[in-house]
């Protein structure tokens, strides 16, 4: 049954999940744990077409809150600008939110605006998200071209949160080089059973074809010294610890985001990595928690590694791991966090790690990425949803020591320190909004 299931072209996702649970229960009853991960069918989708960036709002229960956002960041060697178009449906924080965050040698700052959610429209067929009356639009024009535009008025009454108020506008055209969607296998489960969070890194390494950014009257021309990142998220909840923790911080119930792009004039010499992982309590009865891990690594113009790993648990009763890779098997996929810092800002007290070490190992490759950062490289991005606000501590322009080894040949494919990496730690802290 199992062999037939994983080789089906379109296996039933519910059947796959039930099979995982059955296997876990069988292993527990025999007082033994499986020696290897169960294989996940497929490996995800490379350079997903526009339909994979569509809105899934209509697929989710109408009486449950839902969010959908498009996120981008642009950078050269010293300046980083992030944009987010965020639609939140249902609950006290319903609205259409627009975000501009920046990290420059001078400062890190952000501003967040809130508009009625009715002002934004999302296509259920392709990537096309727009609020024309407000000047915001993002769309995919052909398989690899993405355009985004927006404008902000710092003194607007729609200002919601942040630590700056600036006039800004942007018009950018991106050309995707690499993209990856690793969670296609889990869409049905997310829509019909446990609506947590989905992630699609459809343009995680992109070039800028043309663009301009104007902040407080100062124009920045985006030439070929700039690169870009594009992804999207949607779902019905954010990572959260079990309710019995009663608000106590448990640093495992968080999301981590890891991005490194090392461009080269000859794309065959470029390097691009995107990885993310998140552990959440599910409150769904049988399934108590789910830990998802996804990565796409382009070692050069022709060799790349895809990794997916999902761990499902029910406390101490059972734990089952399923994974997939295009390189034999996933041997290791984990992160170590340290050098924690505690901050107290206008939104409350929180802590996050300044050092994270991501390790991924497959049959051929050992990849170790040591991210180190300082507080000044972070913004506390706020994601309002339902009746709470999720905190995402995002570091842009952080340092990363990239080490990639071919275990079979012993060759050091990449041993390089970069200062343009992206790093996040997201957690459901108790956020208190100060008066605007």
Protein backbone atom coordinates (compact mmCIF):
# COMPACT_ATOMS: atom_id res chain seq x y z
CA UNK A 1 0.00 0.00 0.00
CA UNK A 2 2.72 2.45 0.96
CA UNK A 3 4.80 1.72 -2.14
CA UNK A 4 1.77 2.23 -4.37
CA UNK A 5 0.77 5.44 -2.58
CA UNK A 6 4.05 7.31 -2.89
CA UNK A 7 4.35 6.51 -6.58
CA UNK A 8 0.88 7.78 -7.49
CA UNK A 9 1.03 10.95 -9.65
CA UNK A 10 -1.53 12.75 -7.43
CA UNK A 11 -1.78 10.89 -4.13
CA UNK A 12 -4.49 11.76 -1.64
CA UNK A 13 -2.94 14.13 0.89
CA UNK A 14 -5.31 12.94 3.58
CA UNK A 15 -4.32 9.34 2.84
CA UNK A 16 -0.65 10.25 3.09
CA UNK A 17 -1.17 11.94 6.42
CA UNK A 18 -3.25 9.11 7.83
CA UNK A 19 -0.59 6.69 6.68
CA UNK A 20 2.05 8.69 8.55
CA UNK A 21 -0.03 8.58 11.71
CA UNK A 22 -0.68 4.86 11.29
CA UNK A 23 3.01 4.19 10.80
CA UNK A 24 3.86 6.21 13.89
CA UNK A 25 1.28 4.42 16.00
CA UNK A 26 2.51 1.03 14.74
CA UNK A 27 6.08 1.95 15.59
CA UNK A 28 5.07 3.09 19.08
CA UNK A 29 3.08 -0.07 19.77
CA UNK A 30 6.10 -2.14 18.84
CA UNK A 31 8.15 -0.03 21.24
CA UNK A 32 10.50 0.95 18.44
CA UNK A 33 11.02 4.04 16.36
CA UNK A 34 11.51 4.01 12.60
CA UNK A 35 15.17 3.95 11.57
CA UNK A 36 14.67 6.26 8.59
CA UNK A 37 12.39 9.13 7.65
CA UNK A 38 9.29 8.26 5.66
CA UNK A 39 9.60 9.63 2.12
CA UNK A 40 7.40 12.54 1.09
CA UNK A 41 6.16 12.24 -2.50
CA UNK A 42 7.89 14.62 -4.90
CA UNK A 43 10.35 17.39 -4.09
CA UNK A 44 8.33 20.56 -4.54
CA UNK A 45 8.08 22.86 -7.57
CA UNK A 46 10.99 24.78 -9.09
CA UNK A 47 10.24 28.23 -10.52
CA UNK A 48 6.49 27.93 -9.89
CA UNK A 49 4.27 29.55 -12.51
CA UNK A 50 1.91 32.40 -11.67
CA UNK A 51 -1.00 30.12 -10.70
CA UNK A 52 0.90 28.96 -7.62
CA UNK A 53 1.01 32.56 -6.36
CA UNK A 54 -2.79 32.91 -6.52
CA UNK A 55 -5.08 33.62 -3.57
CA UNK A 56 -6.52 30.56 -1.79
CA UNK A 57 -8.96 32.55 0.33
CA UNK A 58 -12.03 30.87 -1.16
CA UNK A 59 -10.64 27.42 -0.28
CA UNK A 60 -10.63 28.11 3.48
CA UNK A 61 -13.62 28.07 5.84
CA UNK A 62 -15.54 31.32 5.50
CA UNK A 63 -15.99 31.63 9.27
CA UNK A 64 -12.25 31.40 10.01
CA UNK A 65 -9.76 34.31 9.80
CA UNK A 66 -7.39 34.16 6.84
CA UNK A 67 -4.32 36.09 5.69
CA UNK A 68 -2.39 36.43 2.46
CA UNK A 69 0.68 38.54 1.83
CA UNK A 70 3.32 39.20 -0.79
CA UNK A 71 6.78 40.09 0.50
CA UNK A 72 9.84 41.49 -1.28
CA UNK A 73 13.21 42.84 -0.40
CA UNK A 74 15.78 44.58 -2.56
CA UNK A 75 19.43 45.06 -1.73
CA UNK A 76 22.86 46.00 -2.91
CA UNK A 77 25.95 45.59 -0.74
CA UNK A 78 24.90 48.15 1.88
CA UNK A 79 21.22 49.08 1.58
CA UNK A 80 18.19 46.85 2.16
CA UNK A 81 14.53 47.70 1.58
CA UNK A 82 11.62 45.37 2.36
CA UNK A 83 8.00 45.70 1.20
CA UNK A 84 4.96 43.71 2.26
CA UNK A 85 1.36 43.80 1.00
CA UNK A 86 -0.69 42.02 3.66
CA UNK A 87 -4.44 41.25 3.51
CA UNK A 88 -5.95 40.03 6.80
CA UNK A 89 -9.57 38.84 6.77
CA UNK A 90 -11.72 38.42 9.90
CA UNK A 91 -11.16 39.40 13.51
CA UNK A 92 -10.46 42.73 15.14
CA UNK A 93 -7.34 43.33 13.04
CA UNK A 94 -8.98 42.84 9.67
CA UNK A 95 -7.43 45.13 7.10
CA UNK A 96 -5.05 45.66 4.22
CA UNK A 97 -1.58 46.47 5.59
CA UNK A 98 1.34 47.93 3.69
CA UNK A 99 4.87 47.82 5.08
CA UNK A 100 8.15 49.51 4.23
CA UNK A 101 11.23 48.52 6.24
CA UNK A 102 14.81 49.57 5.66
CA UNK A 103 18.26 48.73 6.95
CA UNK A 104 21.03 51.10 5.91
CA UNK A 105 24.43 51.99 7.36
CA UNK A 106 22.68 54.87 9.12
CA UNK A 107 19.69 53.14 10.70
CA UNK A 108 16.97 50.50 10.66
CA UNK A 109 13.38 51.69 10.48
CA UNK A 110 9.88 50.70 9.39
CA UNK A 111 6.39 52.04 8.88
CA UNK A 112 3.10 50.14 8.66
CA UNK A 113 -0.20 51.46 7.32
CA UNK A 114 -3.70 49.99 7.62
CA UNK A 115 -6.53 50.35 5.12
CA UNK A 116 -9.94 48.65 4.78
CA UNK A 117 -9.47 45.13 3.46
CA UNK A 118 -12.09 45.89 0.80
CA UNK A 119 -9.53 48.19 -0.85
CA UNK A 120 -7.44 45.23 -2.05
CA UNK A 121 -8.32 42.57 -4.60
CA UNK A 122 -6.58 39.24 -5.11
CA UNK A 123 -6.84 36.93 -8.08
CA UNK A 124 -7.73 33.30 -7.44
CA UNK A 125 -6.13 32.29 -10.75
CA UNK A 126 -2.68 33.95 -10.77
CA UNK A 127 -0.37 36.40 -9.03
CA UNK A 128 -2.27 39.69 -9.25
CA UNK A 129 -2.77 41.63 -6.00
CA UNK A 130 -3.81 45.25 -6.26
CA UNK A 131 -5.25 48.22 -4.43
CA UNK A 132 -5.37 50.63 -7.33
CA UNK A 133 -6.94 53.52 -5.42
CA UNK A 134 -4.00 53.37 -3.00
CA UNK A 135 -1.30 52.86 -5.62
CA UNK A 136 -0.29 49.28 -4.74
CA UNK A 137 0.02 46.51 -7.28
CA UNK A 138 2.04 43.30 -7.68
CA UNK A 139 1.67 40.88 -10.57
CA UNK A 140 3.47 38.25 -12.59
CA UNK A 141 3.55 39.17 -16.28
CA UNK A 142 5.20 36.08 -17.73
CA UNK A 143 6.86 32.99 -16.26
CA UNK A 144 9.77 34.96 -14.79
CA UNK A 145 8.85 38.66 -14.68
CA UNK A 146 7.36 40.25 -11.56
CA UNK A 147 6.36 43.89 -11.17
CA UNK A 148 5.56 45.74 -7.95
CA UNK A 149 4.58 49.30 -7.25
CA UNK A 150 3.41 51.28 -4.26
CA UNK A 151 3.31 54.63 -2.56
CA UNK A 152 3.10 55.90 1.02
CA UNK A 153 2.43 59.22 2.70
CA UNK A 154 4.18 59.47 6.04
CA UNK A 155 1.60 61.83 7.53
CA UNK A 156 -1.37 59.65 6.49
CA UNK A 157 -4.11 59.05 9.03
CA UNK A 158 -3.87 55.37 8.04
CA UNK A 159 -0.51 55.08 9.82
CA UNK A 160 -0.70 52.03 12.11
CA UNK A 161 2.73 51.39 13.69
CA UNK A 162 6.46 51.83 13.25
CA UNK A 163 9.34 54.12 14.12
CA UNK A 164 9.40 56.40 11.08
CA UNK A 165 7.02 58.41 8.91
CA UNK A 166 8.35 58.93 5.41
CA UNK A 167 6.90 59.59 1.99
CA UNK A 168 7.86 56.76 -0.33
CA UNK A 169 7.10 55.34 -3.76
CA UNK A 170 8.50 52.53 -5.85
CA UNK A 171 8.16 50.93 -9.26
CA UNK A 172 10.24 47.81 -9.80
CA UNK A 173 10.46 45.08 -12.42
CA UNK A 174 12.13 41.83 -11.35
CA UNK A 175 13.41 38.91 -13.36
CA UNK A 176 13.30 35.66 -11.43
CA UNK A 177 16.39 33.47 -11.56
CA UNK A 178 15.48 30.84 -8.94
CA UNK A 179 12.23 30.10 -7.15
CA UNK A 180 10.89 27.19 -5.12
CA UNK A 181 7.55 26.12 -3.68
CA UNK A 182 8.01 23.21 -1.29
CA UNK A 183 4.61 23.06 0.43
CA UNK A 184 2.40 22.13 -2.54
CA UNK A 185 1.89 18.70 -0.98
CA UNK A 186 0.23 20.20 2.10
CA UNK A 187 -2.28 22.62 0.57
CA UNK A 188 -5.31 20.34 0.96
CA UNK A 189 -4.55 19.62 4.61
CA UNK A 190 -4.09 23.31 5.33
CA UNK A 191 -7.36 24.23 3.65
CA UNK A 192 -9.51 21.47 5.16
CA UNK A 193 -8.05 20.48 8.49
CA UNK A 194 -5.24 22.41 10.20
CA UNK A 195 -5.06 25.94 8.72
CA UNK A 196 -1.60 27.03 9.86
CA UNK A 197 0.84 28.78 7.51
CA UNK A 198 1.91 28.13 3.93
CA UNK A 199 5.08 29.51 2.34
CA UNK A 200 6.05 29.92 -1.31
CA UNK A 201 9.50 31.31 -2.15
CA UNK A 202 8.64 31.75 -5.82
CA UNK A 203 11.41 34.29 -6.54
CA UNK A 204 13.97 33.86 -3.76
CA UNK A 205 16.83 34.88 -6.05
CA UNK A 206 15.85 37.51 -8.60
CA UNK A 207 17.56 40.20 -10.63
CA UNK A 208 16.25 43.74 -11.03
CA UNK A 209 15.52 44.55 -14.66
CA UNK A 210 14.66 48.15 -13.89
CA UNK A 211 13.33 50.16 -10.99
CA UNK A 212 13.27 53.28 -8.91
CA UNK A 213 12.67 53.94 -5.25
CA UNK A 214 11.95 57.42 -3.89
CA UNK A 215 12.10 58.11 -0.14
CA UNK A 216 11.40 61.62 1.14
CA UNK A 217 12.19 63.02 -2.29
CA UNK A 218 15.50 61.20 -2.66
CA UNK A 219 15.49 58.93 -5.71
CA UNK A 220 17.43 55.67 -5.82
CA UNK A 221 17.93 54.09 -9.23
CA UNK A 222 17.93 50.32 -8.97
CA UNK A 223 20.57 49.13 -11.44
CA UNK A 224 22.24 45.76 -11.95
CA UNK A 225 24.18 46.09 -8.68
CA UNK A 226 20.90 45.31 -6.87
CA UNK A 227 19.24 41.93 -6.44
CA UNK A 228 15.82 40.96 -5.10
CA UNK A 229 13.86 38.40 -3.12
CA UNK A 230 10.15 37.51 -3.48
CA UNK A 231 7.90 35.19 -1.48
CA UNK A 232 4.37 34.86 -0.15
CA UNK A 233 2.57 33.43 2.87
CA UNK A 234 -1.05 32.57 3.59
CA UNK A 235 -3.08 30.55 6.07
CA UNK A 236 -5.27 30.60 9.13
CA UNK A 237 -2.81 30.97 12.02
CA UNK A 238 0.79 31.69 12.97
CA UNK A 239 3.26 29.47 14.85
CA UNK A 240 2.26 29.39 18.52
CA UNK A 241 3.23 27.48 21.68
CA UNK A 242 0.78 25.18 23.48
CA UNK A 243 -1.87 26.99 25.49
CA UNK A 244 -0.70 25.34 28.70
CA UNK A 245 2.48 27.41 28.49
CA UNK A 246 0.32 30.34 29.67
CA UNK A 247 2.33 32.97 27.83
CA UNK A 248 5.75 31.70 28.92
CA UNK A 249 8.32 31.96 26.14
CA UNK A 250 9.32 28.69 24.48
CA UNK A 251 11.88 29.54 21.83
CA UNK A 252 11.22 26.36 19.82
CA UNK A 253 7.69 27.43 18.84
CA UNK A 254 8.88 29.99 16.33
CA UNK A 255 9.73 30.40 12.69
CA UNK A 256 13.20 30.89 11.29
CA UNK A 257 14.04 32.31 7.87
CA UNK A 258 17.46 32.09 6.22
CA UNK A 259 18.46 33.67 2.95
CA UNK A 260 21.84 33.98 1.23
CA UNK A 261 22.38 35.20 -2.33
CA UNK A 262 25.85 35.60 -3.82
CA UNK A 263 25.41 36.93 -7.35
CA UNK A 264 27.98 36.65 -10.12
CA UNK A 265 28.13 38.10 -13.61
CA UNK A 266 28.19 34.52 -14.83
CA UNK A 267 25.13 32.90 -13.22
CA UNK A 268 26.93 29.55 -13.30
CA UNK A 269 29.12 30.95 -10.52
CA UNK A 270 26.30 32.38 -8.37
CA UNK A 271 25.03 30.85 -5.13
CA UNK A 272 21.50 31.14 -3.75
CA UNK A 273 19.94 29.61 -0.65
CA UNK A 274 16.56 29.93 0.96
CA UNK A 275 15.54 27.92 4.01
CA UNK A 276 12.76 28.17 6.54
CA UNK A 277 11.46 26.20 9.47
CA UNK A 278 8.63 26.60 11.90
CA UNK A 279 7.21 24.66 14.84
CA UNK A 280 3.64 25.24 15.93
CA UNK A 281 1.07 23.81 18.29
CA UNK A 282 -2.00 22.74 16.32
CA UNK A 283 -4.73 22.14 18.94
CA UNK A 284 -6.20 19.53 16.60
CA UNK A 285 -6.65 16.55 18.93
CA UNK A 286 -4.56 13.70 17.55
CA UNK A 287 -1.89 15.96 16.10
CA UNK A 288 -0.41 18.16 18.84
CA UNK A 289 2.40 19.84 16.93
CA UNK A 290 3.91 20.10 13.48
CA UNK A 291 7.47 21.13 12.60
CA UNK A 292 7.99 22.00 8.94
CA UNK A 293 11.39 22.60 7.29
CA UNK A 294 11.96 23.58 3.66
CA UNK A 295 15.02 24.63 1.65
CA UNK A 296 16.27 25.20 -1.88
CA UNK A 297 20.01 25.61 -2.47
CA UNK A 298 21.54 26.47 -5.83
CA UNK A 299 25.23 25.67 -5.62
CA UNK A 300 25.93 27.00 -9.12
CA UNK A 301 24.17 27.27 -12.45
CA UNK A 302 23.44 23.55 -12.75
CA UNK A 303 23.63 21.83 -9.33
CA UNK A 304 21.04 22.39 -6.64
CA UNK A 305 19.60 20.63 -3.60
CA UNK A 306 15.98 20.65 -2.44
CA UNK A 307 15.07 19.54 1.09
CA UNK A 308 11.74 19.08 2.86
CA UNK A 309 11.17 17.60 6.29
CA UNK A 310 8.01 17.47 8.42
CA UNK A 311 7.88 16.20 12.01
CA UNK A 312 4.46 15.46 13.55
CA UNK A 313 4.08 14.78 17.26
CA UNK A 314 1.52 13.98 19.90
CA UNK A 315 3.45 14.79 23.05
CA UNK A 316 5.32 11.71 24.23
CA UNK A 317 2.90 9.30 22.53
CA UNK A 318 4.45 9.34 19.08
CA UNK A 319 6.71 11.27 16.75
CA UNK A 320 7.03 10.66 13.02
CA UNK A 321 9.32 12.32 10.50
CA UNK A 322 8.82 12.43 6.74
CA UNK A 323 11.23 14.01 4.30
CA UNK A 324 12.27 14.38 0.69
CA UNK A 325 15.30 15.57 -1.25
CA UNK A 326 16.64 15.27 -4.76
CA UNK A 327 19.96 14.09 -3.27
CA UNK A 328 19.43 10.66 -1.73
CA UNK A 329 18.11 11.35 1.75
CA UNK A 330 17.88 14.07 4.38
CA UNK A 331 20.39 13.18 7.07
CA UNK A 332 20.24 16.40 9.04
CA UNK A 333 18.15 19.56 8.89
CA UNK A 334 18.27 21.67 12.05
CA UNK A 335 19.17 25.01 13.58
CA UNK A 336 20.99 26.03 16.75
CA UNK A 337 20.13 29.41 18.24
CA UNK A 338 22.25 31.35 20.72
CA UNK A 339 23.44 34.81 21.78
CA UNK A 340 19.94 35.82 22.83
CA UNK A 341 19.15 39.48 23.33
CA UNK A 342 16.21 40.99 25.22
CA UNK A 343 14.59 44.19 24.01
CA UNK A 344 11.93 46.46 25.45
CA UNK A 345 10.28 48.67 22.87
CA UNK A 346 6.95 50.39 22.37
CA UNK A 347 5.25 47.02 21.80
CA UNK A 348 6.49 45.17 24.87
CA UNK A 349 9.35 42.93 25.90
CA UNK A 350 10.74 40.24 23.62
CA UNK A 351 13.89 38.26 22.99
CA UNK A 352 15.47 36.83 19.86
CA UNK A 353 18.79 35.17 18.93
CA UNK A 354 21.59 37.10 17.28
CA UNK A 355 23.34 33.89 16.21
CA UNK A 356 21.74 31.01 14.34
CA UNK A 357 23.58 28.05 12.81
CA UNK A 358 21.70 26.22 10.09
CA UNK A 359 22.94 22.71 9.22
CA UNK A 360 21.65 20.66 6.31
CA UNK A 361 23.09 17.33 5.25
CA UNK A 362 22.12 15.04 2.40
CA UNK A 363 23.77 12.06 0.72
CA UNK A 364 26.33 14.20 -1.12
CA UNK A 365 26.47 17.54 0.65
CA UNK A 366 27.09 19.02 4.08
CA UNK A 367 25.94 22.65 4.30
CA UNK A 368 26.64 24.72 7.41
CA UNK A 369 25.61 28.36 7.55
CA UNK A 370 26.57 30.40 10.60
CA UNK A 371 24.54 33.61 10.81
CA UNK A 372 25.74 36.31 13.21
CA UNK A 373 24.12 39.68 13.63
CA UNK A 374 23.73 42.82 15.73
CA UNK A 375 20.57 44.48 17.02
CA UNK A 376 20.95 47.46 14.67
CA UNK A 377 20.42 45.16 11.68
CA UNK A 378 16.87 44.26 12.78
CA UNK A 379 13.37 45.56 12.49
CA UNK A 380 10.50 44.19 14.56
CA UNK A 381 7.99 43.61 11.78
CA UNK A 382 4.39 43.40 12.96
CA UNK A 383 1.80 41.12 11.35
CA UNK A 384 -1.72 41.90 12.66
CA UNK A 385 -4.12 39.00 12.34
CA UNK A 386 -7.43 37.96 13.93
CA UNK A 387 -7.11 39.28 17.51
CA UNK A 388 -3.30 39.32 17.94
CA UNK A 389 -0.13 40.73 16.38
CA UNK A 390 2.71 38.40 15.45
CA UNK A 391 6.29 39.67 15.84
CA UNK A 392 8.92 38.93 13.23
CA UNK A 393 12.44 40.04 14.09
CA UNK A 394 14.01 40.44 10.67
CA UNK A 395 17.71 41.07 10.20
CA UNK A 396 18.88 42.27 6.79
CA UNK A 397 22.53 42.69 5.89
CA UNK A 398 23.66 40.22 8.55
CA UNK A 399 26.87 38.22 8.37
CA UNK A 400 26.88 34.59 7.25
CA UNK A 401 29.74 32.13 6.96
CA UNK A 402 28.73 29.73 4.19
CA UNK A 403 30.41 26.32 4.11
CA UNK A 404 29.31 23.71 1.57
CA UNK A 405 31.27 20.47 1.25
CA UNK A 406 30.91 17.61 -1.19
CA UNK A 407 31.25 14.70 1.22
CA UNK A 408 31.95 12.18 -1.52
CA UNK A 409 34.88 14.01 -3.07
CA UNK A 410 35.93 16.08 -0.06
CA UNK A 411 35.76 19.24 -2.18
CA UNK A 412 34.95 22.52 -0.44
CA UNK A 413 32.37 23.89 -2.89
CA UNK A 414 31.87 27.14 -1.01
CA UNK A 415 33.71 28.60 1.99
CA UNK A 416 32.85 32.27 2.07
CA UNK A 417 31.75 35.02 4.46
CA UNK A 418 29.09 37.43 3.22
CA UNK A 419 27.56 40.49 4.85
CA UNK A 420 24.31 40.67 2.89
CA UNK A 421 22.34 37.74 4.33
CA UNK A 422 18.77 37.72 5.63
CA UNK A 423 17.74 36.21 8.96
CA UNK A 424 14.52 36.04 10.98
CA UNK A 425 13.08 34.86 14.25
CA UNK A 426 9.28 35.08 14.43
CA UNK A 427 7.30 34.51 17.63
CA UNK A 428 3.81 35.13 18.98
CA UNK A 429 4.70 37.59 21.72
CA UNK A 430 2.07 39.55 23.61
CA UNK A 431 2.11 42.82 21.68
CA UNK A 432 0.58 45.99 23.07
CA UNK A 433 0.01 48.75 20.55
CA UNK A 434 0.88 52.23 21.80
CA UNK A 435 -1.24 55.21 20.76
CA UNK A 436 -0.38 56.45 17.27
